[in-house]
C-alpha atoms as a PDB file:
ATOM      1  CA  UNK A   1      99.455 141.194 113.422  1.00  0.00           C
ATOM      2  CA  UNK A   2     102.063 139.275 111.425  1.00  0.00           C
ATOM      3  CA  UNK A   3     104.481 136.681 112.822  1.00  0.00           C
ATOM      4  CA  UNK A   4     107.415 139.107 113.137  1.00  0.00           C
ATOM      5  CA  UNK A   5     105.264 141.473 115.188  1.00  0.00           C
ATOM      6  CA  UNK A   6     104.033 138.628 117.417  1.00  0.00           C
ATOM      7  CA  UNK A   7     107.610 137.462 118.020  1.00  0.00           C
ATOM      8  CA  UNK A   8     108.698 141.007 118.896  1.00  0.00           C
ATOM      9  CA  UNK A   9     105.757 141.494 121.234  1.00  0.00           C
ATOM     10  CA  UNK A  10     106.407 138.187 123.028  1.00  0.00           C
ATOM     11  CA  UNK A  11     110.091 138.958 123.534  1.00  0.00           C
ATOM     12  CA  UNK A  12     109.444 142.517 124.728  1.00  0.00           C
ATOM     13  CA  UNK A  13     106.861 141.323 127.239  1.00  0.00           C
ATOM     14  CA  UNK A  14     109.112 138.535 128.600  1.00  0.00           C
ATOM     15  CA  UNK A  15     112.590 140.095 128.735  1.00  0.00           C
ATOM     16  CA  UNK A  16     113.977 143.454 129.826  1.00  0.00           C
ATOM     17  CA  UNK A  17     115.564 144.216 126.467  1.00  0.00           C
ATOM     18  CA  UNK A  18     118.246 146.742 125.682  1.00  0.00           C
ATOM     19  CA  UNK A  19     118.210 145.765 121.991  1.00  0.00           C
ATOM     20  CA  UNK A  20     115.977 143.642 119.761  1.00  0.00           C
ATOM     21  CA  UNK A  21     116.035 142.736 116.092  1.00  0.00           C
ATOM     22  CA  UNK A  22     113.559 140.311 114.560  1.00  0.00           C
ATOM     23  CA  UNK A  23     114.165 139.621 110.880  1.00  0.00           C
ATOM     24  CA  UNK A  24     111.985 137.581 108.540  1.00  0.00           C
ATOM     25  CA  UNK A  25     114.533 135.672 106.441  1.00  0.00           C
ATOM     26  CA  UNK A  26     111.949 133.566 104.615  1.00  0.00           C
ATOM     27  CA  UNK A  27     112.695 135.283 101.304  1.00  0.00           C
ATOM     28  CA  UNK A  28     116.094 133.550 101.210  1.00  0.00           C
ATOM     29  CA  UNK A  29     114.608 130.065 101.426  1.00  0.00           C
ATOM     30  CA  UNK A  30     112.595 127.749  99.212  1.00  0.00           C
ATOM     31  CA  UNK A  31     109.200 128.778 100.524  1.00  0.00           C
ATOM     32  CA  UNK A  32     106.222 130.538  98.949  1.00  0.00           C
ATOM     33  CA  UNK A  33     106.082 134.331  99.142  1.00  0.00           C
ATOM     34  CA  UNK A  34     104.624 135.454 102.457  1.00  0.00           C
ATOM     35  CA  UNK A  35     105.397 132.147 104.189  1.00  0.00           C
ATOM     36  CA  UNK A  36     106.807 133.756 107.371  1.00  0.00           C
ATOM     37  CA  UNK A  37     108.709 130.541 108.075  1.00  0.00           C
ATOM     38  CA  UNK A  38     112.350 131.509 108.775  1.00  0.00           C
ATOM     39  CA  UNK A  39     113.318 134.152 111.333  1.00  0.00           C
ATOM     40  CA  UNK A  40     116.382 135.571 113.043  1.00  0.00           C
ATOM     41  CA  UNK A  41     116.260 137.046 116.550  1.00  0.00           C
ATOM     42  CA  UNK A  42     118.972 139.200 118.073  1.00  0.00           C
ATOM     43  CA  UNK A  43     118.127 140.029 121.682  1.00  0.00           C
ATOM     44  CA  UNK A  44     120.177 141.802 124.323  1.00  0.00           C
ATOM     45  CA  UNK A  45     119.052 141.470 127.922  1.00  0.00           C
ATOM     46  CA  UNK A  46     120.627 141.081 131.311  1.00  0.00           C
ATOM     47  CA  UNK A  47     117.996 138.363 131.856  1.00  0.00           C
ATOM     48  CA  UNK A  48     120.517 136.118 130.045  1.00  0.00           C
ATOM     49  CA  UNK A  49     123.289 136.780 132.575  1.00  0.00           C
ATOM     50  CA  UNK A  50     124.610 133.669 134.300  1.00  0.00           C
ATOM     51  CA  UNK A  51     122.846 131.357 131.822  1.00  0.00           C
ATOM     52  CA  UNK A  52     124.571 129.041 129.388  1.00  0.00           C
ATOM     53  CA  UNK A  53     123.833 129.442 125.697  1.00  0.00           C
ATOM     54  CA  UNK A  54     121.570 126.373 125.631  1.00  0.00           C
ATOM     55  CA  UNK A  55     119.537 127.766 128.541  1.00  0.00           C
ATOM     56  CA  UNK A  56     119.135 131.090 126.741  1.00  0.00           C
ATOM     57  CA  UNK A  57     117.989 129.365 123.569  1.00  0.00           C
ATOM     58  CA  UNK A  58     115.510 127.242 125.502  1.00  0.00           C
ATOM     59  CA  UNK A  59     114.061 130.381 127.099  1.00  0.00           C
ATOM     60  CA  UNK A  60     113.376 131.866 123.659  1.00  0.00           C
ATOM     61  CA  UNK A  61     112.206 128.605 122.060  1.00  0.00           C
ATOM     62  CA  UNK A  62     109.761 127.892 124.894  1.00  0.00           C
ATOM     63  CA  UNK A  63     108.408 131.427 124.689  1.00  0.00           C
ATOM     64  CA  UNK A  64     107.812 131.096 120.942  1.00  0.00           C
ATOM     65  CA  UNK A  65     106.515 127.516 120.960  1.00  0.00           C
ATOM     66  CA  UNK A  66     103.141 128.556 119.543  1.00  0.00           C
ATOM     67  CA  UNK A  67     104.861 130.111 116.524  1.00  0.00           C
ATOM     68  CA  UNK A  68     106.544 126.788 115.751  1.00  0.00           C
ATOM     69  CA  UNK A  69     103.271 124.895 116.061  1.00  0.00           C
ATOM     70  CA  UNK A  70     101.709 127.589 113.868  1.00  0.00           C
ATOM     71  CA  UNK A  71     104.090 127.012 110.961  1.00  0.00           C
ATOM     72  CA  UNK A  72     107.401 128.700 111.745  1.00  0.00           C
ATOM     73  CA  UNK A  73     110.097 126.371 110.460  1.00  0.00           C
ATOM     74  CA  UNK A  74     113.379 127.912 111.625  1.00  0.00           C
ATOM     75  CA  UNK A  75     114.603 130.437 114.164  1.00  0.00           C
ATOM     76  CA  UNK A  76     118.188 131.670 114.379  1.00  0.00           C
ATOM     77  CA  UNK A  77     118.726 132.875 117.937  1.00  0.00           C
ATOM     78  CA  UNK A  78     121.491 135.282 118.943  1.00  0.00           C
ATOM     79  CA  UNK A  79     121.104 136.305 122.590  1.00  0.00           C
ATOM     80  CA  UNK A  80     123.540 138.365 124.621  1.00  0.00           C
ATOM     81  CA  UNK A  81     123.928 140.302 127.831  1.00  0.00           C
ATOM     82  CA  UNK A  82     124.627 144.023 127.412  1.00  0.00           C
ATOM     83  CA  UNK A  83     128.340 143.455 128.096  1.00  0.00           C
ATOM     84  CA  UNK A  84     128.557 140.596 125.574  1.00  0.00           C
ATOM     85  CA  UNK A  85     126.766 142.695 122.963  1.00  0.00           C
ATOM     86  CA  UNK A  86     129.166 145.589 123.455  1.00  0.00           C
ATOM     87  CA  UNK A  87     132.135 143.198 123.182  1.00  0.00           C
ATOM     88  CA  UNK A  88     130.729 142.096 119.806  1.00  0.00           C
ATOM     89  CA  UNK A  89     130.608 145.767 118.713  1.00  0.00           C
ATOM     90  CA  UNK A  90     126.801 145.540 118.516  1.00  0.00           C
ATOM     91  CA  UNK A  91     126.947 143.005 115.678  1.00  0.00           C
ATOM     92  CA  UNK A  92     125.314 139.583 115.386  1.00  0.00           C
ATOM     93  CA  UNK A  93     126.595 136.953 112.934  1.00  0.00           C
ATOM     94  CA  UNK A  94     125.121 136.939 109.455  1.00  0.00           C
ATOM     95  CA  UNK A  95     122.829 134.061 108.581  1.00  0.00           C
ATOM     96  CA  UNK A  96     124.211 131.521 106.104  1.00  0.00           C
ATOM     97  CA  UNK A  97     122.498 131.064 102.750  1.00  0.00           C
ATOM     98  CA  UNK A  98     119.828 128.392 102.472  1.00  0.00           C
ATOM     99  CA  UNK A  99     121.433 125.037 101.655  1.00  0.00           C
ATOM    100  CA  UNK A 100     118.423 124.053  99.563  1.00  0.00           C
ATOM    101  CA  UNK A 101     118.518 127.057  97.219  1.00  0.00           C
ATOM    102  CA  UNK A 102     116.144 129.964  97.301  1.00  0.00           C
ATOM    103  CA  UNK A 103     112.556 130.399  96.267  1.00  0.00           C
ATOM    104  CA  UNK A 104     113.797 132.673  93.496  1.00  0.00           C
ATOM    105  CA  UNK A 105     115.841 129.779  92.060  1.00  0.00           C
ATOM    106  CA  UNK A 106     112.748 127.589  91.849  1.00  0.00           C
ATOM    107  CA  UNK A 107     114.577 124.809  93.686  1.00  0.00           C
ATOM    108  CA  UNK A 108     113.010 122.678  96.382  1.00  0.00           C
ATOM    109  CA  UNK A 109     114.638 121.998  99.728  1.00  0.00           C
END
């Protein structure tokens, strides 16, 4: 099972999700092919209701702690309740480009 699949499985088991996207964005960063180091999570769950953004992020970060200790470098977290997600027209923000260039450019971070 790869890292994306493990992240998905962990989130599905922990939260009652109405929507989930887990994207490996490593290809846009200065890392070797197959690094599985940079991810984006978009999760919609009423488990986030009544929680501040920092609390929601902590819930996800704590759940995925073993992925960080296992080599994941970055995780963009976009978490919403079903109502918030609908207000956003079912769209999460795009990730910004890597500030250190991309692996394709041959530049180091």
